[in-house]
Amino acid sequence: MSTRQDPEAAQAAGTASEDTGPAEDTGSADTGPAEDTGSGDDTAAERGASAAGKVRAWCAGRLPPDWFPAPPDIQVDREEITIVGTLPDPAAAGDSDAERAAAAEGRIRRFREETRNRRIEIAREAEHRFRRKVSWGVTCGPVTEMFTTLSVPVMTRLRQSERRVLDTLVDAGVARSRSDALAWCVRLTGENADAWLSRLRDALRHVEEVRDQGPGST
Protein backbone atom coordinates (compact mmCIF):
# COMPACT_ATOMS: atom_id res chain seq x y z
CA MET A 1 0.00 0.00 0.00
CA SER A 2 1.33 3.44 -0.89
CA THR A 3 0.78 6.61 1.11
CA ARG A 4 0.55 9.91 -0.73
CA GLN A 5 0.98 13.34 0.84
CA ASP A 6 -1.02 15.97 -0.97
CA PRO A 7 1.15 18.89 -2.16
CA GLU A 8 -1.16 21.34 -0.44
CA ALA A 9 -0.74 19.44 2.82
CA ALA A 10 3.05 19.74 2.62
CA GLN A 11 2.74 23.51 2.29
CA ALA A 12 0.29 23.59 5.20
CA ALA A 13 2.67 21.97 7.72
CA GLY A 14 2.55 23.91 10.97
CA THR A 15 -0.59 25.82 9.94
CA ALA A 16 -4.29 25.15 9.71
CA SER A 17 -5.45 22.64 7.15
CA GLU A 18 -6.57 23.73 3.70
CA ASP A 19 -10.08 22.63 4.60
CA THR A 20 -10.43 24.47 7.90
CA GLY A 21 -9.43 28.07 7.25
CA PRO A 22 -6.78 30.24 8.91
CA ALA A 23 -4.75 28.99 11.83
CA GLU A 24 -5.83 30.04 15.28
CA ASP A 25 -4.07 29.94 18.65
CA THR A 26 -5.57 26.98 20.49
CA GLY A 27 -3.43 27.39 23.57
CA SER A 28 -2.34 23.76 23.38
CA ALA A 29 1.20 24.20 22.10
CA ASP A 30 4.13 23.66 24.46
CA THR A 31 5.30 26.96 25.94
CA GLY A 32 8.41 26.00 27.83
CA PRO A 33 10.80 23.26 28.88
CA ALA A 34 9.37 20.01 30.15
CA GLU A 35 8.95 19.72 33.91
CA ASP A 36 8.89 16.71 36.19
CA THR A 37 5.29 16.82 37.46
CA GLY A 38 5.32 13.52 39.30
CA SER A 39 1.98 11.80 39.88
CA GLY A 40 0.18 14.67 38.16
CA ASP A 41 1.22 13.14 34.83
CA ASP A 42 -1.02 10.13 35.51
CA THR A 43 -4.02 12.33 36.22
CA ALA A 44 -3.37 14.40 33.09
CA ALA A 45 -3.06 11.24 31.02
CA GLU A 46 -6.38 9.96 32.35
CA ARG A 47 -8.12 13.25 31.56
CA GLY A 48 -6.57 13.21 28.10
CA ALA A 49 -7.74 9.67 27.41
CA SER A 50 -11.30 10.49 28.49
CA ALA A 51 -11.32 13.66 26.35
CA ALA A 52 -10.04 11.71 23.34
CA GLY A 53 -12.90 9.24 23.72
CA LYS A 54 -15.44 12.06 23.69
CA VAL A 55 -13.82 13.58 20.60
CA ARG A 56 -13.95 10.24 18.76
CA ALA A 57 -17.59 9.71 19.71
CA TRP A 58 -18.58 13.20 18.57
CA CYS A 59 -16.75 12.88 15.25
CA ALA A 60 -18.19 9.43 14.59
CA GLY A 61 -21.70 10.77 15.17
CA ARG A 62 -21.14 13.96 13.16
CA LEU A 63 -19.78 12.34 9.97
CA PRO A 64 -22.40 11.62 7.28
CA PRO A 65 -23.18 7.87 7.25
CA ASP A 66 -22.82 7.61 3.47
CA TRP A 67 -19.20 8.79 3.34
CA PHE A 68 -17.53 5.54 4.37
CA PRO A 69 -18.80 1.93 4.40
CA ALA A 70 -16.99 1.30 7.71
CA PRO A 71 -16.22 3.49 10.74
CA PRO A 72 -13.24 5.78 10.02
CA ASP A 73 -10.01 5.71 11.99
CA ILE A 74 -10.05 8.73 14.33
CA GLN A 75 -6.81 9.63 16.09
CA VAL A 76 -6.69 12.35 18.75
CA ASP A 77 -3.93 14.13 20.62
CA ARG A 78 -3.72 17.49 22.39
CA GLU A 79 -3.43 19.52 19.18
CA GLU A 80 -5.03 17.58 16.34
CA ILE A 81 -7.91 15.32 15.32
CA THR A 82 -7.05 13.10 12.35
CA ILE A 83 -9.90 11.39 10.51
CA VAL A 84 -9.03 8.74 7.91
CA GLY A 85 -11.87 6.86 6.21
CA THR A 86 -11.85 3.99 3.73
CA LEU A 87 -13.53 4.30 0.33
CA PRO A 88 -14.72 1.36 -1.77
CA ASP A 89 -12.05 0.17 -4.20
CA PRO A 90 -13.24 1.08 -7.74
CA ALA A 91 -10.74 -1.22 -9.46
CA ALA A 92 -12.05 -4.14 -11.51
CA ALA A 93 -10.85 -7.70 -11.25
CA GLY A 94 -7.77 -8.27 -13.38
CA ASP A 95 -6.61 -4.65 -13.31
CA SER A 96 -2.86 -4.11 -13.09
CA ASP A 97 -1.29 -2.42 -10.08
CA ALA A 98 -0.92 0.80 -12.06
CA GLU A 99 -4.59 0.71 -13.10
CA ARG A 100 -5.72 0.05 -9.52
CA ALA A 101 -3.66 2.97 -8.24
CA ALA A 102 -4.99 5.30 -10.95
CA ALA A 103 -8.60 4.31 -10.22
CA ALA A 104 -8.07 4.83 -6.50
CA GLU A 105 -6.52 8.25 -7.01
CA GLY A 106 -9.45 9.32 -9.17
CA ARG A 107 -11.95 8.11 -6.58
CA ILE A 108 -10.08 9.93 -3.81
CA ARG A 109 -10.04 13.17 -5.80
CA ARG A 110 -13.77 12.95 -6.45
CA PHE A 111 -14.48 12.34 -2.76
CA ARG A 112 -12.31 15.27 -1.76
CA GLU A 113 -14.05 17.69 -4.11
CA GLU A 114 -17.58 16.49 -3.35
CA THR A 115 -17.16 16.63 0.43
CA ARG A 116 -15.04 19.77 0.75
CA ASN A 117 -17.73 22.14 2.03
CA ARG A 118 -19.14 19.62 4.48
CA ARG A 119 -15.70 18.77 5.80
CA ILE A 120 -14.98 22.47 6.35
CA GLU A 121 -18.21 22.78 8.33
CA ILE A 122 -17.48 19.73 10.50
CA ALA A 123 -13.88 20.81 11.08
CA ARG A 124 -14.89 24.29 12.21
CA GLU A 125 -17.42 22.85 14.63
CA ALA A 126 -14.84 20.43 16.04
CA GLU A 127 -12.18 23.14 16.36
CA HIS A 128 -14.60 25.40 18.21
CA ARG A 129 -15.79 22.62 20.52
CA PHE A 130 -12.50 20.81 21.22
CA ARG A 131 -9.84 23.47 20.47
CA ARG A 132 -8.00 21.11 18.13
CA LYS A 133 -7.23 21.33 14.44
CA VAL A 134 -8.80 18.72 12.15
CA SER A 135 -6.92 16.79 9.47
CA TRP A 136 -8.55 14.58 6.85
CA GLY A 137 -7.40 11.60 4.82
CA VAL A 138 -8.78 8.57 3.01
CA THR A 139 -7.68 5.10 1.96
CA CYS A 140 -8.88 3.63 -1.30
CA GLY A 141 -7.48 0.34 -2.57
CA PRO A 142 -3.68 0.53 -2.47
CA VAL A 143 -3.56 4.30 -1.92
CA THR A 144 -3.75 6.32 1.30
CA GLU A 145 -3.78 10.08 0.88
CA MET A 146 -3.72 12.72 3.59
CA PHE A 147 -5.44 15.90 2.49
CA THR A 148 -3.99 17.92 5.35
CA THR A 149 -1.63 17.41 8.27
CA LEU A 150 -0.38 19.52 11.17
CA SER A 151 3.23 19.72 12.34
CA VAL A 152 3.59 20.75 15.98
CA PRO A 153 6.84 21.58 17.82
CA VAL A 154 7.44 19.50 20.95
CA MET A 155 9.97 20.57 23.59
CA THR A 156 11.81 18.07 25.77
CA ARG A 157 14.78 17.73 28.11
CA LEU A 158 17.53 15.23 27.33
CA ARG A 159 20.51 14.10 29.39
CA GLN A 160 23.99 14.03 27.86
CA SER A 161 23.83 10.33 26.97
CA GLU A 162 20.57 10.95 25.13
CA ARG A 163 21.88 14.05 23.39
CA ARG A 164 24.89 12.05 22.22
CA VAL A 165 22.54 9.67 20.43
CA LEU A 166 21.10 12.57 18.47
CA ASP A 167 24.55 14.03 17.77
CA THR A 168 25.73 10.66 16.45
CA LEU A 169 22.84 10.60 13.98
CA VAL A 170 23.68 14.14 12.88
CA ASP A 171 27.41 13.41 12.53
CA ALA A 172 26.65 10.28 10.50
CA GLY A 173 24.47 12.25 8.10
CA VAL A 174 21.30 10.39 9.07
CA ALA A 175 19.69 13.61 10.26
CA ARG A 176 20.30 17.29 9.57
CA SER A 177 19.88 18.49 13.15
CA ARG A 178 19.05 17.33 16.65
CA SER A 179 15.35 18.02 16.10
CA ASP A 180 15.44 16.08 12.83
CA ALA A 181 17.26 13.23 14.60
CA LEU A 182 14.64 13.15 17.35
CA ALA A 183 11.85 12.96 14.78
CA TRP A 184 13.75 10.13 13.06
CA CYS A 185 13.92 8.22 16.35
CA VAL A 186 10.20 8.65 16.92
CA ARG A 187 9.40 7.34 13.43
CA LEU A 188 11.75 4.39 13.90
CA THR A 189 10.16 3.52 17.22
CA GLY A 190 6.68 3.73 15.72
CA GLU A 191 7.61 1.44 12.85
CA ASN A 192 9.27 -1.20 15.02
CA ALA A 193 6.92 -1.08 18.00
CA ASP A 194 3.66 -0.82 16.08
CA ALA A 195 2.11 -3.96 17.60
CA TRP A 196 3.01 -2.90 21.15
CA LEU A 197 1.70 0.64 20.59
CA SER A 198 -1.55 -0.77 19.16
CA ARG A 199 -2.07 -2.89 22.29
CA LEU A 200 -1.34 0.12 24.47
CA ARG A 201 -3.89 2.26 22.61
CA ASP A 202 -6.50 -0.52 22.91
CA ALA A 203 -5.86 -0.67 26.64
CA LEU A 204 -6.36 3.09 26.95
CA ARG A 205 -9.67 2.86 25.10
CA HIS A 206 -10.77 0.16 27.55
CA VAL A 207 -9.85 2.47 30.44
CA GLU A 208 -12.02 5.18 28.86
CA GLU A 209 -14.99 2.83 28.62
CA VAL A 210 -14.67 1.67 32.24
CA ARG A 211 -14.28 5.23 33.51
CA ASP A 212 -17.38 6.39 31.62
CA GLN A 213 -19.39 3.62 33.30
CA GLY A 214 -18.24 4.61 36.79
CA PRO A 215 -20.10 6.54 39.52
CA GLY A 216 -20.89 10.11 38.63
CA SER A 217 -20.65 9.54 34.89
CA THR A 218 -23.34 11.11 32.75
C-alpha atoms as a PDB file:
ATOM      1  CA  MET A   1       0.000   0.000   0.000  1.00  0.00           C
ATOM      2  CA  SER A   2       1.328   3.440  -0.886  1.00  0.00           C
ATOM      3  CA  THR A   3       0.781   6.606   1.110  1.00  0.00           C
ATOM      4  CA  ARG A   4       0.552   9.909  -0.732  1.00  0.00           C
ATOM      5  CA  GLN A   5       0.977  13.339   0.842  1.00  0.00           C
ATOM      6  CA  ASP A   6      -1.025  15.971  -0.970  1.00  0.00           C
ATOM      7  CA  PRO A   7       1.152  18.893  -2.163  1.00  0.00           C
ATOM      8  CA  GLU A   8      -1.161  21.338  -0.440  1.00  0.00           C
ATOM      9  CA  ALA A   9      -0.739  19.442   2.822  1.00  0.00           C
ATOM     10  CA  ALA A  10       3.055  19.738   2.621  1.00  0.00           C
ATOM     11  CA  GLN A  11       2.740  23.511   2.286  1.00  0.00           C
ATOM     12  CA  ALA A  12       0.294  23.588   5.196  1.00  0.00           C
ATOM     13  CA  ALA A  13       2.667  21.975   7.720  1.00  0.00           C
ATOM     14  CA  GLY A  14       2.550  23.906  10.969  1.00  0.00           C
ATOM     15  CA  THR A  15      -0.589  25.819   9.940  1.00  0.00           C
ATOM     16  CA  ALA A  16      -4.289  25.150   9.711  1.00  0.00           C
ATOM     17  CA  SER A  17      -5.453  22.645   7.147  1.00  0.00           C
ATOM     18  CA  GLU A  18      -6.569  23.733   3.699  1.00  0.00           C
ATOM     19  CA  ASP A  19     -10.083  22.628   4.603  1.00  0.00           C
ATOM     20  CA  THR A  20     -10.432  24.470   7.902  1.00  0.00           C
ATOM     21  CA  GLY A  21      -9.435  28.065   7.247  1.00  0.00           C
ATOM     22  CA  PRO A  22      -6.777  30.242   8.905  1.00  0.00           C
ATOM     23  CA  ALA A  23      -4.746  28.994  11.832  1.00  0.00           C
ATOM     24  CA  GLU A  24      -5.828  30.041  15.282  1.00  0.00           C
ATOM     25  CA  ASP A  25      -4.072  29.938  18.646  1.00  0.00           C
ATOM     26  CA  THR A  26      -5.572  26.977  20.486  1.00  0.00           C
ATOM     27  CA  GLY A  27      -3.435  27.389  23.570  1.00  0.00           C
ATOM     28  CA  SER A  28      -2.343  23.758  23.383  1.00  0.00           C
ATOM     29  CA  ALA A  29       1.205  24.197  22.097  1.00  0.00           C
ATOM     30  CA  ASP A  30       4.135  23.655  24.464  1.00  0.00           C
ATOM     31  CA  THR A  31       5.298  26.956  25.944  1.00  0.00           C
ATOM     32  CA  GLY A  32       8.409  25.996  27.826  1.00  0.00           C
ATOM     33  CA  PRO A  33      10.800  23.263  28.883  1.00  0.00           C
ATOM     34  CA  ALA A  34       9.367  20.011  30.153  1.00  0.00           C
ATOM     35  CA  GLU A  35       8.953  19.723  33.912  1.00  0.00           C
ATOM     36  CA  ASP A  36       8.886  16.713  36.192  1.00  0.00           C
ATOM     37  CA  THR A  37       5.290  16.819  37.460  1.00  0.00           C
ATOM     38  CA  GLY A  38       5.317  13.515  39.302  1.00  0.00           C
ATOM     39  CA  SER A  39       1.978  11.800  39.885  1.00  0.00           C
ATOM     40  CA  GLY A  40       0.181  14.670  38.165  1.00  0.00           C
ATOM     41  CA  ASP A  41       1.216  13.141  34.834  1.00  0.00           C
ATOM     42  CA  ASP A  42      -1.016  10.127  35.507  1.00  0.00           C
ATOM     43  CA  THR A  43      -4.024  12.329  36.218  1.00  0.00           C
ATOM     44  CA  ALA A  44      -3.369  14.402  33.093  1.00  0.00           C
ATOM     45  CA  ALA A  45      -3.063  11.242  31.018  1.00  0.00           C
ATOM     46  CA  GLU A  46      -6.379   9.963  32.347  1.00  0.00           C
ATOM     47  CA  ARG A  47      -8.117  13.250  31.558  1.00  0.00           C
ATOM     48  CA  GLY A  48      -6.569  13.210  28.097  1.00  0.00           C
ATOM     49  CA  ALA A  49      -7.742   9.665  27.411  1.00  0.00           C
ATOM     50  CA  SER A  50     -11.298  10.493  28.487  1.00  0.00           C
ATOM     51  CA  ALA A  51     -11.320  13.656  26.353  1.00  0.00           C
ATOM     52  CA  ALA A  52     -10.040  11.711  23.344  1.00  0.00           C
ATOM     53  CA  GLY A  53     -12.903   9.237  23.720  1.00  0.00           C
ATOM     54  CA  LYS A  54     -15.440  12.062  23.685  1.00  0.00           C
ATOM     55  CA  VAL A  55     -13.818  13.580  20.602  1.00  0.00           C
ATOM     56  CA  ARG A  56     -13.953  10.244  18.758  1.00  0.00           C
ATOM     57  CA  ALA A  57     -17.585   9.706  19.708  1.00  0.00           C
ATOM     58  CA  TRP A  58     -18.579  13.204  18.573  1.00  0.00           C
ATOM     59  CA  CYS A  59     -16.746  12.876  15.252  1.00  0.00           C
ATOM     60  CA  ALA A  60     -18.192   9.427  14.590  1.00  0.00           C
ATOM     61  CA  GLY A  61     -21.697  10.769  15.171  1.00  0.00           C
ATOM     62  CA  ARG A  62     -21.137  13.958  13.157  1.00  0.00           C
ATOM     63  CA  LEU A  63     -19.782  12.343   9.971  1.00  0.00           C
ATOM     64  CA  PRO A  64     -22.403  11.623   7.283  1.00  0.00           C
ATOM     65  CA  PRO A  65     -23.183   7.867   7.250  1.00  0.00           C
ATOM     66  CA  ASP A  66     -22.821   7.613   3.467  1.00  0.00           C
ATOM     67  CA  TRP A  67     -19.199   8.789   3.342  1.00  0.00           C
ATOM     68  CA  PHE A  68     -17.526   5.535   4.370  1.00  0.00           C
ATOM     69  CA  PRO A  69     -18.803   1.931   4.400  1.00  0.00           C
ATOM     70  CA  ALA A  70     -16.995   1.301   7.711  1.00  0.00           C
ATOM     71  CA  PRO A  71     -16.223   3.486  10.740  1.00  0.00           C
ATOM     72  CA  PRO A  72     -13.241   5.781  10.023  1.00  0.00           C
ATOM     73  CA  ASP A  73     -10.006   5.710  11.986  1.00  0.00           C
ATOM     74  CA  ILE A  74     -10.052   8.727  14.327  1.00  0.00           C
ATOM     75  CA  GLN A  75      -6.810   9.632  16.094  1.00  0.00           C
ATOM     76  CA  VAL A  76      -6.693  12.354  18.749  1.00  0.00           C
ATOM     77  CA  ASP A  77      -3.926  14.130  20.623  1.00  0.00           C
ATOM     78  CA  ARG A  78      -3.718  17.487  22.386  1.00  0.00           C
ATOM     79  CA  GLU A  79      -3.425  19.517  19.177  1.00  0.00           C
ATOM     80  CA  GLU A  80      -5.034  17.581  16.340  1.00  0.00           C
ATOM     81  CA  ILE A  81      -7.910  15.323  15.320  1.00  0.00           C
ATOM     82  CA  THR A  82      -7.052  13.101  12.349  1.00  0.00           C
ATOM     83  CA  ILE A  83      -9.897  11.389  10.512  1.00  0.00           C
ATOM     84  CA  VAL A  84      -9.035   8.736   7.911  1.00  0.00           C
ATOM     85  CA  GLY A  85     -11.868   6.865   6.209  1.00  0.00           C
ATOM     86  CA  THR A  86     -11.845   3.993   3.734  1.00  0.00           C
ATOM     87  CA  LEU A  87     -13.526   4.300   0.333  1.00  0.00           C
ATOM     88  CA  PRO A  88     -14.718   1.364  -1.774  1.00  0.00           C
ATOM     89  CA  ASP A  89     -12.052   0.171  -4.204  1.00  0.00           C
ATOM     90  CA  PRO A  90     -13.235   1.082  -7.737  1.00  0.00           C
ATOM     91  CA  ALA A  91     -10.737  -1.218  -9.463  1.00  0.00           C
ATOM     92  CA  ALA A  92     -12.047  -4.135 -11.508  1.00  0.00           C
ATOM     93  CA  ALA A  93     -10.849  -7.705 -11.246  1.00  0.00           C
ATOM     94  CA  GLY A  94      -7.769  -8.269 -13.384  1.00  0.00           C
ATOM     95  CA  ASP A  95      -6.607  -4.651 -13.313  1.00  0.00           C
ATOM     96  CA  SER A  96      -2.862  -4.106 -13.089  1.00  0.00           C
ATOM     97  CA  ASP A  97      -1.290  -2.415 -10.078  1.00  0.00           C
ATOM     98  CA  ALA A  98      -0.921   0.802 -12.061  1.00  0.00           C
ATOM     99  CA  GLU A  99      -4.595   0.712 -13.098  1.00  0.00           C
ATOM    100  CA  ARG A 100      -5.715   0.047  -9.520  1.00  0.00           C
ATOM    101  CA  ALA A 101      -3.663   2.974  -8.244  1.00  0.00           C
ATOM    102  CA  ALA A 102      -4.989   5.303 -10.949  1.00  0.00           C
ATOM    103  CA  ALA A 103      -8.597   4.312 -10.225  1.00  0.00           C
ATOM    104  CA  ALA A 104      -8.073   4.830  -6.503  1.00  0.00           C
ATOM    105  CA  GLU A 105      -6.515   8.251  -7.013  1.00  0.00           C
ATOM    106  CA  GLY A 106      -9.454   9.317  -9.170  1.00  0.00           C
ATOM    107  CA  ARG A 107     -11.951   8.110  -6.575  1.00  0.00           C
ATOM    108  CA  ILE A 108     -10.083   9.933  -3.810  1.00  0.00           C
ATOM    109  CA  ARG A 109     -10.037  13.173  -5.796  1.00  0.00           C
ATOM    110  CA  ARG A 110     -13.772  12.954  -6.446  1.00  0.00           C
ATOM    111  CA  PHE A 111     -14.484  12.337  -2.761  1.00  0.00           C
ATOM    112  CA  ARG A 112     -12.305  15.274  -1.763  1.00  0.00           C
ATOM    113  CA  GLU A 113     -14.050  17.690  -4.107  1.00  0.00           C
ATOM    114  CA  GLU A 114     -17.580  16.485  -3.346  1.00  0.00           C
ATOM    115  CA  THR A 115     -17.164  16.634   0.431  1.00  0.00           C
ATOM    116  CA  ARG A 116     -15.037  19.768   0.747  1.00  0.00           C
ATOM    117  CA  ASN A 117     -17.726  22.144   2.033  1.00  0.00           C
ATOM    118  CA  ARG A 118     -19.136  19.616   4.479  1.00  0.00           C
ATOM    119  CA  ARG A 119     -15.698  18.774   5.804  1.00  0.00           C
ATOM    120  CA  ILE A 120     -14.977  22.466   6.353  1.00  0.00           C
ATOM    121  CA  GLU A 121     -18.211  22.780   8.332  1.00  0.00           C
ATOM    122  CA  ILE A 122     -17.480  19.733  10.503  1.00  0.00           C
ATOM    123  CA  ALA A 123     -13.877  20.807  11.076  1.00  0.00           C
ATOM    124  CA  ARG A 124     -14.888  24.285  12.214  1.00  0.00           C
ATOM    125  CA  GLU A 125     -17.420  22.847  14.634  1.00  0.00           C
ATOM    126  CA  ALA A 126     -14.844  20.426  16.039  1.00  0.00           C
ATOM    127  CA  GLU A 127     -12.178  23.135  16.361  1.00  0.00           C
ATOM    128  CA  HIS A 128     -14.595  25.405  18.211  1.00  0.00           C
ATOM    129  CA  ARG A 129     -15.787  22.623  20.518  1.00  0.00           C
ATOM    130  CA  PHE A 130     -12.499  20.812  21.225  1.00  0.00           C
ATOM    131  CA  ARG A 131      -9.841  23.468  20.473  1.00  0.00           C
ATOM    132  CA  ARG A 132      -8.001  21.115  18.133  1.00  0.00           C
ATOM    133  CA  LYS A 133      -7.233  21.327  14.439  1.00  0.00           C
ATOM    134  CA  VAL A 134      -8.799  18.724  12.153  1.00  0.00           C
ATOM    135  CA  SER A 135      -6.919  16.792   9.468  1.00  0.00           C
ATOM    136  CA  TRP A 136      -8.548  14.577   6.850  1.00  0.00           C
ATOM    137  CA  GLY A 137      -7.397  11.601   4.818  1.00  0.00           C
ATOM    138  CA  VAL A 138      -8.777   8.570   3.007  1.00  0.00           C
ATOM    139  CA  THR A 139      -7.676   5.101   1.962  1.00  0.00           C
ATOM    140  CA  CYS A 140      -8.875   3.629  -1.305  1.00  0.00           C
ATOM    141  CA  GLY A 141      -7.485   0.341  -2.567  1.00  0.00           C
ATOM    142  CA  PRO A 142      -3.682   0.526  -2.467  1.00  0.00           C
ATOM    143  CA  VAL A 143      -3.561   4.303  -1.923  1.00  0.00           C
ATOM    144  CA  THR A 144      -3.746   6.316   1.299  1.00  0.00           C
ATOM    145  CA  GLU A 145      -3.783  10.083   0.875  1.00  0.00           C
ATOM    146  CA  MET A 146      -3.719  12.723   3.592  1.00  0.00           C
ATOM    147  CA  PHE A 147      -5.443  15.905   2.492  1.00  0.00           C
ATOM    148  CA  THR A 148      -3.989  17.923   5.346  1.00  0.00           C
ATOM    149  CA  THR A 149      -1.628  17.414   8.271  1.00  0.00           C
ATOM    150  CA  LEU A 150      -0.384  19.515  11.171  1.00  0.00           C
ATOM    151  CA  SER A 151       3.234  19.718  12.340  1.00  0.00           C
ATOM    152  CA  VAL A 152       3.589  20.752  15.977  1.00  0.00           C
ATOM    153  CA  PRO A 153       6.842  21.582  17.817  1.00  0.00           C
ATOM    154  CA  VAL A 154       7.435  19.501  20.948  1.00  0.00           C
ATOM    155  CA  MET A 155       9.971  20.565  23.586  1.00  0.00           C
ATOM    156  CA  THR A 156      11.814  18.073  25.774  1.00  0.00           C
ATOM    157  CA  ARG A 157      14.782  17.726  28.106  1.00  0.00           C
ATOM    158  CA  LEU A 158      17.531  15.229  27.329  1.00  0.00           C
ATOM    159  CA  ARG A 159      20.508  14.098  29.389  1.00  0.00           C
ATOM    160  CA  GLN A 160      23.988  14.032  27.865  1.00  0.00           C
ATOM    161  CA  SER A 161      23.832  10.330  26.970  1.00  0.00           C
ATOM    162  CA  GLU A 162      20.567  10.954  25.134  1.00  0.00           C
ATOM    163  CA  ARG A 163      21.885  14.054  23.391  1.00  0.00           C
ATOM    164  CA  ARG A 164      24.893  12.049  22.221  1.00  0.00           C
ATOM    165  CA  VAL A 165      22.538   9.665  20.426  1.00  0.00           C
ATOM    166  CA  LEU A 166      21.101  12.575  18.475  1.00  0.00           C
ATOM    167  CA  ASP A 167      24.548  14.026  17.774  1.00  0.00           C
ATOM    168  CA  THR A 168      25.730  10.664  16.451  1.00  0.00           C
ATOM    169  CA  LEU A 169      22.839  10.596  13.984  1.00  0.00           C
ATOM    170  CA  VAL A 170      23.685  14.141  12.879  1.00  0.00           C
ATOM    171  CA  ASP A 171      27.413  13.413  12.532  1.00  0.00           C
ATOM    172  CA  ALA A 172      26.654  10.278  10.497  1.00  0.00           C
ATOM    173  CA  GLY A 173      24.474  12.254   8.103  1.00  0.00           C
ATOM    174  CA  VAL A 174      21.302  10.387   9.071  1.00  0.00           C
ATOM    175  CA  ALA A 175      19.694  13.614  10.265  1.00  0.00           C
ATOM    176  CA  ARG A 176      20.297  17.290   9.571  1.00  0.00           C
ATOM    177  CA  SER A 177      19.877  18.493  13.150  1.00  0.00           C
ATOM    178  CA  ARG A 178      19.049  17.327  16.647  1.00  0.00           C
ATOM    179  CA  SER A 179      15.346  18.016  16.098  1.00  0.00           C
ATOM    180  CA  ASP A 180      15.444  16.077  12.825  1.00  0.00           C
ATOM    181  CA  ALA A 181      17.260  13.225  14.595  1.00  0.00           C
ATOM    182  CA  LEU A 182      14.643  13.147  17.355  1.00  0.00           C
ATOM    183  CA  ALA A 183      11.850  12.961  14.783  1.00  0.00           C
ATOM    184  CA  TRP A 184      13.751  10.135  13.059  1.00  0.00           C
ATOM    185  CA  CYS A 185      13.924   8.216  16.354  1.00  0.00           C
ATOM    186  CA  VAL A 186      10.203   8.650  16.924  1.00  0.00           C
ATOM    187  CA  ARG A 187       9.400   7.344  13.428  1.00  0.00           C
ATOM    188  CA  LEU A 188      11.746   4.393  13.897  1.00  0.00           C
ATOM    189  CA  THR A 189      10.164   3.519  17.225  1.00  0.00           C
ATOM    190  CA  GLY A 190       6.683   3.728  15.723  1.00  0.00           C
ATOM    191  CA  GLU A 191       7.611   1.437  12.851  1.00  0.00           C
ATOM    192  CA  ASN A 192       9.273  -1.204  15.021  1.00  0.00           C
ATOM    193  CA  ALA A 193       6.921  -1.077  18.003  1.00  0.00           C
ATOM    194  CA  ASP A 194       3.658  -0.821  16.081  1.00  0.00           C
ATOM    195  CA  ALA A 195       2.112  -3.963  17.598  1.00  0.00           C
ATOM    196  CA  TRP A 196       3.013  -2.898  21.150  1.00  0.00           C
ATOM    197  CA  LEU A 197       1.703   0.637  20.592  1.00  0.00           C
ATOM    198  CA  SER A 198      -1.549  -0.766  19.165  1.00  0.00           C
ATOM    199  CA  ARG A 199      -2.072  -2.890  22.287  1.00  0.00           C
ATOM    200  CA  LEU A 200      -1.344   0.121  24.474  1.00  0.00           C
ATOM    201  CA  ARG A 201      -3.894   2.261  22.607  1.00  0.00           C
ATOM    202  CA  ASP A 202      -6.496  -0.522  22.908  1.00  0.00           C
ATOM    203  CA  ALA A 203      -5.861  -0.668  26.641  1.00  0.00           C
ATOM    204  CA  LEU A 204      -6.357   3.094  26.950  1.00  0.00           C
ATOM    205  CA  ARG A 205      -9.669   2.857  25.095  1.00  0.00           C
ATOM    206  CA  HIS A 206     -10.769   0.158  27.555  1.00  0.00           C
ATOM    207  CA  VAL A 207      -9.847   2.467  30.444  1.00  0.00           C
ATOM    208  CA  GLU A 208     -12.017   5.183  28.858  1.00  0.00           C
ATOM    209  CA  GLU A 209     -14.995   2.832  28.624  1.00  0.00           C
ATOM    210  CA  VAL A 210     -14.675   1.668  32.241  1.00  0.00           C
ATOM    211  CA  ARG A 211     -14.278   5.233  33.506  1.00  0.00           C
ATOM    212  CA  ASP A 212     -17.377   6.392  31.620  1.00  0.00           C
ATOM    213  CA  GLN A 213     -19.390   3.622  33.298  1.00  0.00           C
ATOM    214  CA  GLY A 214     -18.243   4.611  36.792  1.00  0.00           C
ATOM    215  CA  PRO A 215     -20.103   6.538  39.519  1.00  0.00           C
ATOM    216  CA  GLY A 216     -20.886  10.110  38.632  1.00  0.00           C
ATOM    217  CA  SER A 217     -20.646   9.541  34.886  1.00  0.00           C
ATOM    218  CA  THR A 218     -23.343  11.108  32.748  1.00  0.00           C
END
